[in-house]
Amino acid sequence: MPLDVIMPALGMAQDTGLIIAWLKQPGDAVSTGDVLFEVETDKATMEVEAAGDGYLTHVSAAAGDAVPVGQVIAKISKTADAGGIDAPQAPVNSGAAASHALPEGQTVIMPTLGMAQDTGLLIAWAKEPGEAVVQDDILFEVETDKSTVEVPAGFDGYLAAVLAAAGEDVPVGQTIAIISKQQPDSPVVRSAASAQAPAPQPTAAPQPALETKAPSAPTPTGAPKSKPQQQAAKHSVSDPKGRILASPKARRLALEQGLDLARLAAVGHPQPYHVADLEVLRGLPAAGGDAQPSALAQASLRLTALVEEPGFDAFAQWAREQGLRDSAALLAGFAAASAGHEACVTVESLAGTQSYQAPLAGLSAVQPCAEDDCQADLLIRDLRWSRLTSLALGSQATPTLSLVQTNAGLELTLEASAEHLDAQQAIALLSNFADRMAQPLRHLL
């Protein structure tokens, strides 16, 4: 079955994306991870990768087109002759088989919070079915392997349909809610699993039963229980460098509760780890002997700085006019220069995640790279466009520099374990970076 290529949601309030250029043509062979096209929103320009192997077919949008989020713009088929250029299709709605039972209104999809993200774990709904919402209200909380984000409604109206349940892993682009203009008499509530179920087919003559379902084995007493949908959707992933893959929220809670995620890896529990996996960790038998302390439990550093009048936005606009269109690459270049050495810097934002190789040769020399090609020396969390006003997540596997916009100015927080940075290095890095965010032209001197 062909894979749909949809216009991703690269921002929380994004309605459309402008296709800058196709890097693959209809009929071209593509592999998982190949860049298919470049898309631009009002805040970022990103490369969109193929989610599978095959051939690019059924291309229905051209460079220069502004395409609604969730609309299918191409397919990845098994053969090159499966189709050429098609008319645009309607936005993806995995519950289309039962759409006649759904209310009319604006669809809310599972957003893309990272370029390699296939699904998002729906943590909780902040609104009840039928409740009135405005566009800036937090509608739900979603977790990926890299971040936990509160997603606003995006529209004014009433939550007329909820099409995914808390605890479900939902594919990116799938419709999970409908916001209607009129208050519904009976809001629709379904799970994502039922929305994906195929429509019932006309029944033929009754067929004799060919097999019977064996009863499932009973759950051992005291064994930790996890959500069935989460178990079914979770795939085992491992890092070739031996690092433990876990969401920031899972790492923070493990640190606060004195839990060692390495014990999950030791018993072969599939990665990446989310908050629900901490239940499994708590249920593991106590380790015998003197256990080694987790790397997350080691001494850590946390430094903050305030930039009252940041000049970065104006500098980024000027750099864009000079041909440097990627503001995340500018942040990576600033970070390497502040550290005083070439570095691999990963930048996370609401628009996605990208790693950069940042030399000291200048901002134009900063180049994007695949995360597998370089191990990040520093992680920058660009949260300037979020609702956060402060944060304290604890030391991560990589030194982390977070940018949060407050009423007083731009707040910078550097968190790192003592094994990665000593106090002198941390102070120098944060001080230099704060100076560059305040007066970016210093970087050119």
Protein backbone atom coordinates (compact mmCIF):
# COMPACT_ATOMS: atom_id res chain seq x y z
CA MET A 1 0.00 0.00 0.00
CA PRO A 2 1.51 3.40 -0.95
CA LEU A 3 2.64 5.76 1.81
CA ASP A 4 1.01 9.18 1.89
CA VAL A 5 3.29 12.22 1.89
CA ILE A 6 1.46 15.03 3.69
CA MET A 7 2.14 18.68 4.38
CA PRO A 8 3.49 18.51 7.96
CA ALA A 9 2.60 20.84 10.82
CA LEU A 10 5.87 22.58 11.64
CA GLY A 11 4.33 25.04 14.09
CA MET A 12 1.53 25.01 16.60
CA ALA A 13 -0.60 27.65 14.82
CA GLN A 14 0.36 26.73 11.25
CA ASP A 15 -2.46 26.37 8.72
CA THR A 16 -0.42 26.04 5.51
CA GLY A 17 3.12 25.42 4.34
CA LEU A 18 4.80 26.95 1.28
CA ILE A 19 6.64 24.40 -0.85
CA ILE A 20 10.00 25.98 -1.72
CA ALA A 21 11.38 23.20 -3.91
CA TRP A 22 11.06 19.48 -4.65
CA LEU A 23 14.39 17.65 -4.32
CA LYS A 24 12.92 14.48 -5.82
CA GLN A 25 10.91 14.24 -9.05
CA PRO A 26 7.95 11.96 -9.89
CA GLY A 27 9.27 8.49 -10.60
CA ASP A 28 12.51 8.96 -8.65
CA ALA A 29 13.57 6.19 -6.29
CA VAL A 30 13.61 7.30 -2.65
CA SER A 31 14.84 5.74 0.58
CA THR A 32 13.82 6.35 4.15
CA GLY A 33 15.40 9.61 5.30
CA ASP A 34 15.86 11.08 1.80
CA VAL A 35 14.85 14.75 1.63
CA LEU A 36 11.74 15.03 -0.56
CA PHE A 37 11.01 18.76 -0.46
CA GLU A 38 11.63 22.01 1.39
CA VAL A 39 8.74 23.76 3.11
CA GLU A 40 8.58 27.26 4.59
CA THR A 41 6.27 28.62 7.28
CA ASP A 42 6.24 32.07 8.84
CA LYS A 43 8.88 30.94 11.34
CA ALA A 44 11.11 28.32 9.72
CA THR A 45 12.30 26.60 6.56
CA MET A 46 12.61 22.83 6.94
CA GLU A 47 13.48 19.79 4.85
CA VAL A 48 10.85 17.02 4.83
CA GLU A 49 12.15 13.46 4.61
CA ALA A 50 10.71 10.28 3.12
CA ALA A 51 9.10 7.95 5.66
CA GLY A 52 9.70 4.80 3.59
CA ASP A 53 11.40 3.23 0.60
CA GLY A 54 9.94 3.19 -2.92
CA TYR A 55 9.24 5.64 -5.73
CA LEU A 56 7.81 9.17 -5.61
CA THR A 57 4.41 9.19 -7.36
CA HIS A 58 1.08 11.06 -7.45
CA VAL A 59 2.70 14.47 -6.87
CA SER A 60 -0.16 16.96 -6.57
CA ALA A 61 1.55 20.20 -5.48
CA ALA A 62 4.29 22.22 -7.14
CA ALA A 63 7.03 24.50 -5.87
CA GLY A 64 5.45 27.81 -4.88
CA ASP A 65 2.15 26.27 -3.78
CA ALA A 66 0.81 27.05 -0.30
CA VAL A 67 -0.64 23.73 0.88
CA PRO A 68 -2.97 23.19 3.87
CA VAL A 69 -1.49 21.21 6.74
CA GLY A 70 -2.45 17.54 6.53
CA GLN A 71 -3.14 17.54 2.78
CA VAL A 72 -1.70 14.61 0.83
CA ILE A 73 0.71 16.01 -1.77
CA ALA A 74 2.41 12.81 -3.01
CA LYS A 75 2.76 9.10 -2.43
CA ILE A 76 5.66 6.69 -2.06
CA SER A 77 4.74 3.64 -4.14
CA LYS A 78 6.33 0.27 -4.79
CA THR A 79 6.72 0.96 -8.52
CA ALA A 80 7.71 4.08 -10.46
CA ASP A 81 4.75 3.77 -12.85
CA ALA A 82 2.14 3.82 -10.07
CA GLY A 83 1.18 7.37 -10.99
CA GLY A 84 2.44 10.71 -12.14
CA ILE A 85 0.92 14.06 -11.18
CA ASP A 86 -2.51 14.10 -9.58
CA ALA A 87 -5.01 16.72 -8.52
CA PRO A 88 -4.74 17.77 -4.87
CA GLN A 89 -6.37 15.48 -2.35
CA ALA A 90 -8.27 16.47 0.74
CA PRO A 91 -6.42 16.69 4.05
CA VAL A 92 -5.69 13.36 5.71
CA ASN A 93 -8.40 12.04 8.00
CA SER A 94 -7.76 8.50 9.15
CA GLY A 95 -11.36 8.25 10.28
CA ALA A 96 -12.72 8.94 6.81
CA ALA A 97 -14.48 5.58 6.72
CA ALA A 98 -16.83 6.82 9.40
CA SER A 99 -16.76 10.52 8.50
CA HIS A 100 -20.54 10.56 8.01
CA ALA A 101 -20.88 10.29 11.79
CA LEU A 102 -18.49 13.16 12.52
CA PRO A 103 -19.56 16.77 13.02
CA GLU A 104 -18.50 19.50 10.62
CA GLY A 105 -15.74 21.84 11.68
CA GLN A 106 -12.01 22.50 11.77
CA THR A 107 -9.83 19.39 12.07
CA VAL A 108 -6.99 19.18 14.58
CA ILE A 109 -4.18 16.80 13.63
CA MET A 110 -1.29 15.22 15.50
CA PRO A 111 1.47 17.79 14.81
CA THR A 112 5.00 17.13 13.66
CA LEU A 113 7.31 18.13 16.52
CA GLY A 114 10.47 16.64 15.00
CA MET A 115 11.61 15.82 11.47
CA ALA A 116 12.15 12.11 12.30
CA GLN A 117 8.88 11.81 14.23
CA ASP A 118 6.33 9.26 13.05
CA THR A 119 3.94 9.32 16.01
CA GLY A 120 3.15 11.37 19.10
CA LEU A 121 2.09 9.99 22.47
CA LEU A 122 -1.09 11.76 23.58
CA ILE A 123 -0.49 12.41 27.29
CA ALA A 124 -3.74 14.15 28.27
CA TRP A 125 -6.63 16.26 27.00
CA ALA A 126 -6.91 19.69 28.63
CA LYS A 127 -10.49 20.22 27.43
CA GLU A 128 -13.59 18.04 27.81
CA PRO A 129 -15.73 16.97 24.81
CA GLY A 130 -18.31 19.66 24.07
CA GLU A 131 -16.39 22.35 25.99
CA ALA A 132 -15.91 25.80 24.48
CA VAL A 133 -12.35 26.65 23.36
CA VAL A 134 -10.52 29.63 21.93
CA GLN A 135 -7.54 29.35 19.62
CA ASP A 136 -4.91 29.97 22.32
CA ASP A 137 -6.38 27.50 24.83
CA ILE A 138 -4.22 24.45 25.54
CA LEU A 139 -6.10 21.55 23.93
CA PHE A 140 -3.84 18.57 24.66
CA GLU A 141 -0.34 17.54 25.71
CA VAL A 142 1.78 15.37 23.42
CA GLU A 143 5.11 13.66 24.02
CA THR A 144 7.71 12.51 21.49
CA ASP A 145 11.10 10.95 22.12
CA LYS A 146 12.60 14.46 22.29
CA SER A 147 10.08 16.75 23.96
CA THR A 148 6.75 17.21 25.70
CA VAL A 149 4.63 20.02 24.26
CA GLU A 150 1.29 21.62 25.08
CA VAL A 151 -0.65 22.11 21.85
CA PRO A 152 -3.18 24.98 21.55
CA ALA A 153 -6.58 24.53 19.92
CA GLY A 154 -5.77 26.83 17.00
CA PHE A 155 -9.46 27.69 16.44
CA ASP A 156 -12.41 29.21 18.32
CA GLY A 157 -15.47 27.03 18.85
CA TYR A 158 -16.48 23.86 20.64
CA LEU A 159 -14.64 20.56 20.99
CA ALA A 160 -17.17 18.56 18.99
CA ALA A 161 -15.17 15.36 18.49
CA VAL A 162 -12.27 13.70 20.30
CA LEU A 163 -10.77 11.00 18.06
CA ALA A 164 -7.86 9.76 20.20
CA ALA A 165 -7.58 8.74 23.83
CA ALA A 166 -4.92 9.69 26.36
CA GLY A 167 -2.15 7.10 26.29
CA GLU A 168 -2.39 6.37 22.57
CA ASP A 169 0.49 6.70 20.11
CA VAL A 170 -1.06 8.58 17.18
CA PRO A 171 0.52 8.83 13.70
CA VAL A 172 1.60 12.31 12.64
CA GLY A 173 -1.04 13.98 10.48
CA GLN A 174 -3.95 11.91 11.79
CA THR A 175 -7.05 13.86 12.79
CA ILE A 176 -7.52 13.65 16.54
CA ALA A 177 -10.21 16.30 17.14
CA ILE A 178 -12.81 18.47 15.44
CA ILE A 179 -13.67 21.99 16.58
CA SER A 180 -17.11 23.16 15.41
CA LYS A 181 -18.72 26.57 15.42
CA GLN A 182 -21.91 25.27 17.02
CA GLN A 183 -22.05 23.59 20.42
CA PRO A 184 -22.67 19.86 19.78
CA ASP A 185 -25.63 18.08 21.32
CA SER A 186 -23.67 14.84 21.59
CA PRO A 187 -19.89 15.20 21.23
CA VAL A 188 -18.17 12.28 19.48
CA VAL A 189 -15.57 10.41 21.53
CA ARG A 190 -13.45 7.68 19.93
CA SER A 191 -10.03 6.14 20.23
CA ALA A 192 -7.40 6.49 17.51
CA ALA A 193 -7.44 2.71 17.08
CA SER A 194 -11.14 2.75 16.17
CA ALA A 195 -10.60 5.71 13.83
CA GLN A 196 -8.01 3.68 11.91
CA ALA A 197 -10.18 0.59 11.72
CA PRO A 198 -11.33 -0.15 8.14
CA ALA A 199 -14.97 0.33 7.24
CA PRO A 200 -17.03 -2.86 7.46
CA GLN A 201 -17.33 -4.66 4.13
CA PRO A 202 -20.56 -6.15 2.75
CA THR A 203 -20.95 -9.59 4.22
CA ALA A 204 -21.14 -12.62 1.97
CA ALA A 205 -22.55 -15.99 2.89
CA PRO A 206 -21.52 -17.12 6.38
CA GLN A 207 -18.24 -19.02 6.38
CA PRO A 208 -17.38 -21.73 8.87
CA ALA A 209 -14.97 -20.74 11.57
CA LEU A 210 -11.43 -21.70 10.59
CA GLU A 211 -9.74 -21.00 13.88
CA THR A 212 -10.47 -20.14 17.44
CA LYS A 213 -8.61 -17.58 19.49
CA ALA A 214 -6.60 -19.03 22.30
CA PRO A 215 -7.12 -17.39 25.67
CA SER A 216 -4.43 -14.91 26.55
CA ALA A 217 -2.04 -15.76 29.31
CA PRO A 218 -2.91 -14.20 32.67
CA THR A 219 -0.88 -11.24 33.81
CA PRO A 220 1.50 -12.25 36.64
CA THR A 221 0.45 -10.86 39.99
CA GLY A 222 2.26 -7.66 40.79
CA ALA A 223 3.57 -7.20 37.23
CA PRO A 224 3.40 -3.61 36.06
CA LYS A 225 0.65 -2.90 33.55
CA SER A 226 0.94 -0.56 30.61
CA LYS A 227 -1.57 0.73 28.09
CA PRO A 228 -2.34 -1.82 25.34
CA GLN A 229 -2.28 0.77 22.58
CA GLN A 230 1.12 2.00 23.69
CA GLN A 231 2.54 -1.53 23.69
CA ALA A 232 1.18 -2.22 20.22
CA ALA A 233 2.53 0.98 18.68
CA LYS A 234 5.94 1.03 20.34
CA HIS A 235 8.95 -0.10 18.35
CA SER A 236 12.30 -0.98 19.83
CA VAL A 237 14.95 1.60 18.94
CA SER A 238 18.56 1.61 20.06
CA ASP A 239 21.32 4.16 19.75
CA PRO A 240 24.45 2.88 17.96
CA LYS A 241 26.60 4.90 20.37
CA GLY A 242 25.08 3.13 23.37
CA ARG A 243 23.18 6.13 24.72
CA ILE A 244 19.84 5.61 26.44
CA LEU A 245 16.99 7.13 24.43
CA ALA A 246 14.29 8.73 26.57
CA SER A 247 12.00 11.74 26.44
CA PRO A 248 13.03 14.78 28.50
CA LYS A 249 10.01 14.33 30.76
CA ALA A 250 10.88 10.70 31.45
CA ARG A 251 14.49 11.68 32.24
CA ARG A 252 13.38 14.47 34.56
CA LEU A 253 10.95 12.27 36.49
CA ALA A 254 13.52 9.47 36.72
CA LEU A 255 16.03 11.91 38.16
CA GLU A 256 13.54 13.34 40.65
CA GLN A 257 12.44 9.87 41.80
CA GLY A 258 15.91 8.32 41.93
CA LEU A 259 15.20 5.84 39.13
CA ASP A 260 17.96 4.53 36.85
CA LEU A 261 16.87 4.24 33.21
CA ALA A 262 19.92 2.05 32.55
CA ARG A 263 18.12 -0.78 34.37
CA LEU A 264 15.41 -0.78 31.70
CA ALA A 265 18.06 -1.04 29.01
CA ALA A 266 19.76 -3.86 30.92
CA VAL A 267 16.59 -6.01 30.87
CA GLY A 268 15.98 -5.28 27.18
CA HIS A 269 12.91 -3.04 27.57
CA PRO A 270 12.34 -1.32 24.17
CA GLN A 271 13.54 2.25 23.69
CA PRO A 272 12.86 5.17 23.51
CA TYR A 273 11.50 5.47 27.05
CA HIS A 274 8.45 7.55 27.93
CA VAL A 275 6.77 8.39 31.23
CA ALA A 276 4.67 5.20 31.10
CA ASP A 277 7.86 3.12 31.06
CA LEU A 278 8.72 4.35 34.54
CA GLU A 279 5.95 2.07 35.82
CA VAL A 280 7.89 -0.87 34.38
CA LEU A 281 11.08 0.43 35.97
CA ARG A 282 9.43 0.69 39.40
CA GLY A 283 8.26 -2.91 39.08
CA LEU A 284 11.72 -4.34 38.44
CA PRO A 285 13.20 -6.33 41.36
CA ALA A 286 15.73 -4.49 43.49
CA ALA A 287 19.25 -4.71 42.10
CA GLY A 288 21.54 -6.84 44.18
CA GLY A 289 24.88 -5.63 45.51
CA ASP A 290 26.17 -2.10 45.31
CA ALA A 291 24.67 -0.60 42.19
CA GLN A 292 26.60 2.05 40.32
CA PRO A 293 24.92 5.46 40.39
CA SER A 294 23.21 6.57 37.19
CA ALA A 295 24.93 9.25 35.11
CA LEU A 296 21.82 11.40 35.65
CA ALA A 297 22.33 11.17 39.41
CA GLN A 298 25.80 12.69 39.25
CA ALA A 299 26.53 16.26 40.32
CA SER A 300 25.08 18.77 37.91
CA LEU A 301 25.43 22.44 37.01
CA ARG A 302 22.59 24.90 36.41
CA LEU A 303 23.33 28.48 35.41
CA THR A 304 20.95 31.22 34.26
CA ALA A 305 21.45 34.53 32.48
CA LEU A 306 19.04 37.28 31.46
CA VAL A 307 19.31 39.26 28.22
CA GLU A 308 17.05 42.24 28.76
CA GLU A 309 17.17 43.59 25.20
CA PRO A 310 18.12 40.77 22.83
CA GLY A 311 19.16 41.77 19.34
CA PHE A 312 19.03 38.31 17.79
CA ASP A 313 15.72 38.67 15.91
CA ALA A 314 16.87 41.80 14.09
CA PHE A 315 20.21 40.14 13.35
CA ALA A 316 18.47 37.02 11.98
CA GLN A 317 16.38 39.20 9.66
CA TRP A 318 19.52 40.94 8.39
CA ALA A 319 21.27 37.56 7.95
CA ARG A 320 18.29 36.29 5.96
CA GLU A 321 18.75 39.14 3.51
CA GLN A 322 22.38 38.06 3.14
CA GLY A 323 21.32 34.51 2.21
CA LEU A 324 21.58 32.89 5.68
CA ARG A 325 17.93 31.83 5.96
CA ASP A 326 18.26 29.24 8.77
CA SER A 327 18.04 31.00 12.16
CA ALA A 328 18.71 27.70 13.96
CA ALA A 329 22.08 27.50 12.19
CA LEU A 330 22.86 30.99 13.51
CA LEU A 331 22.21 29.78 17.07
CA ALA A 332 24.48 26.78 16.47
CA GLY A 333 27.24 29.06 15.18
CA PHE A 334 26.87 31.35 18.20
CA ALA A 335 27.09 28.34 20.54
CA ALA A 336 30.29 26.97 18.98
CA ALA A 337 31.92 30.40 19.03
CA SER A 338 30.87 30.86 22.68
CA ALA A 339 32.42 27.51 23.60
CA GLY A 340 35.60 28.46 21.75
CA HIS A 341 35.86 25.32 19.62
CA GLU A 342 34.21 23.51 16.71
CA ALA A 343 31.14 21.62 17.90
CA CYS A 344 28.19 19.55 16.79
CA VAL A 345 25.11 21.43 18.01
CA THR A 346 21.53 20.14 17.94
CA VAL A 347 18.79 22.79 17.92
CA GLU A 348 15.27 21.85 19.04
CA SER A 349 12.27 24.14 18.54
CA LEU A 350 8.54 23.89 17.95
CA ALA A 351 9.36 23.78 14.23
CA GLY A 352 11.51 20.65 14.52
CA THR A 353 14.98 19.38 15.34
CA GLN A 354 18.20 19.75 13.33
CA SER A 355 21.85 19.03 14.07
CA TYR A 356 24.66 21.25 12.75
CA GLN A 357 28.41 20.96 12.40
CA ALA A 358 29.56 24.38 13.54
CA PRO A 359 33.20 25.33 12.90
CA LEU A 360 34.82 28.58 13.98
CA ALA A 361 35.18 29.74 10.37
CA GLY A 362 32.01 31.87 10.40
CA LEU A 363 28.24 31.53 10.24
CA SER A 364 28.21 30.68 6.53
CA ALA A 365 30.33 27.60 7.30
CA VAL A 366 27.71 26.09 9.65
CA GLN A 367 26.24 23.06 7.89
CA PRO A 368 23.25 20.83 8.78
CA CYS A 369 24.00 17.17 9.34
CA ALA A 370 22.16 14.01 10.28
CA GLU A 371 22.05 13.23 13.99
CA ASP A 372 23.68 9.86 13.28
CA ASP A 373 26.65 11.61 11.64
CA CYS A 374 27.77 13.45 14.74
CA GLN A 375 27.24 13.13 18.46
CA ALA A 376 25.92 16.41 19.82
CA ASP A 377 28.30 18.39 22.03
CA LEU A 378 25.51 20.80 22.97
CA LEU A 379 21.71 20.83 22.75
CA ILE A 380 19.92 24.17 22.29
CA ARG A 381 16.22 24.25 23.15
CA ASP A 382 14.77 27.31 21.42
CA LEU A 383 11.56 27.83 23.41
CA ARG A 384 11.15 31.53 22.64
CA TRP A 385 7.84 30.90 20.87
CA SER A 386 6.40 28.66 23.56
CA ARG A 387 4.30 29.62 26.57
CA LEU A 388 7.04 28.67 29.03
CA THR A 389 8.45 31.40 31.24
CA SER A 390 11.05 29.32 33.13
CA LEU A 391 12.25 25.75 33.38
CA ALA A 392 14.50 23.41 35.37
CA LEU A 393 14.74 19.96 33.81
CA GLY A 394 17.94 18.72 35.45
CA SER A 395 21.11 17.64 33.69
CA GLN A 396 20.63 15.69 30.46
CA ALA A 397 22.83 13.27 28.55
CA THR A 398 24.11 16.32 26.62
CA PRO A 399 24.78 19.86 27.98
CA THR A 400 21.55 21.75 27.32
CA LEU A 401 21.08 25.49 26.74
CA SER A 402 17.41 26.58 26.88
CA LEU A 403 16.07 29.90 25.55
CA VAL A 404 12.82 31.14 27.12
CA GLN A 405 11.16 34.51 26.47
CA THR A 406 9.90 36.27 29.64
CA ASN A 407 8.46 39.70 30.38
CA ALA A 408 11.89 40.77 31.63
CA GLY A 409 13.69 39.61 28.49
CA LEU A 410 15.34 36.47 27.15
CA GLU A 411 16.19 33.98 29.90
CA LEU A 412 19.03 31.53 29.16
CA THR A 413 19.44 28.37 31.23
CA LEU A 414 22.46 26.09 30.93
CA GLU A 415 22.15 22.62 32.50
CA ALA A 416 24.93 20.04 32.37
CA SER A 417 26.41 17.23 34.40
CA ALA A 418 29.80 17.87 35.94
CA GLU A 419 31.37 15.19 33.74
CA HIS A 420 30.60 17.22 30.60
CA LEU A 421 31.45 20.77 31.73
CA ASP A 422 33.30 22.13 34.71
CA ALA A 423 32.17 25.35 36.39
CA GLN A 424 34.65 27.55 34.52
CA GLN A 425 33.65 26.16 31.11
CA ALA A 426 29.94 26.51 31.88
CA ILE A 427 30.30 30.13 33.03
CA ALA A 428 32.33 31.06 29.94
CA LEU A 429 29.89 29.35 27.56
CA LEU A 430 26.78 30.97 29.03
CA SER A 431 28.34 34.42 29.41
CA ASN A 432 29.65 34.48 25.83
CA PHE A 433 26.37 33.19 24.40
CA ALA A 434 24.35 35.79 26.35
CA ASP A 435 26.61 38.56 25.02
CA ARG A 436 26.08 37.36 21.44
CA MET A 437 22.29 37.20 21.86
CA ALA A 438 22.34 40.77 23.20
CA GLN A 439 24.74 42.16 20.56
CA PRO A 440 24.96 39.67 17.66
CA LEU A 441 27.28 41.89 15.63
CA ARG A 442 30.01 40.98 18.14
CA HIS A 443 30.05 37.61 16.41
CA LEU A 444 31.28 39.23 13.22
CA LEU A 445 34.13 41.14 14.88
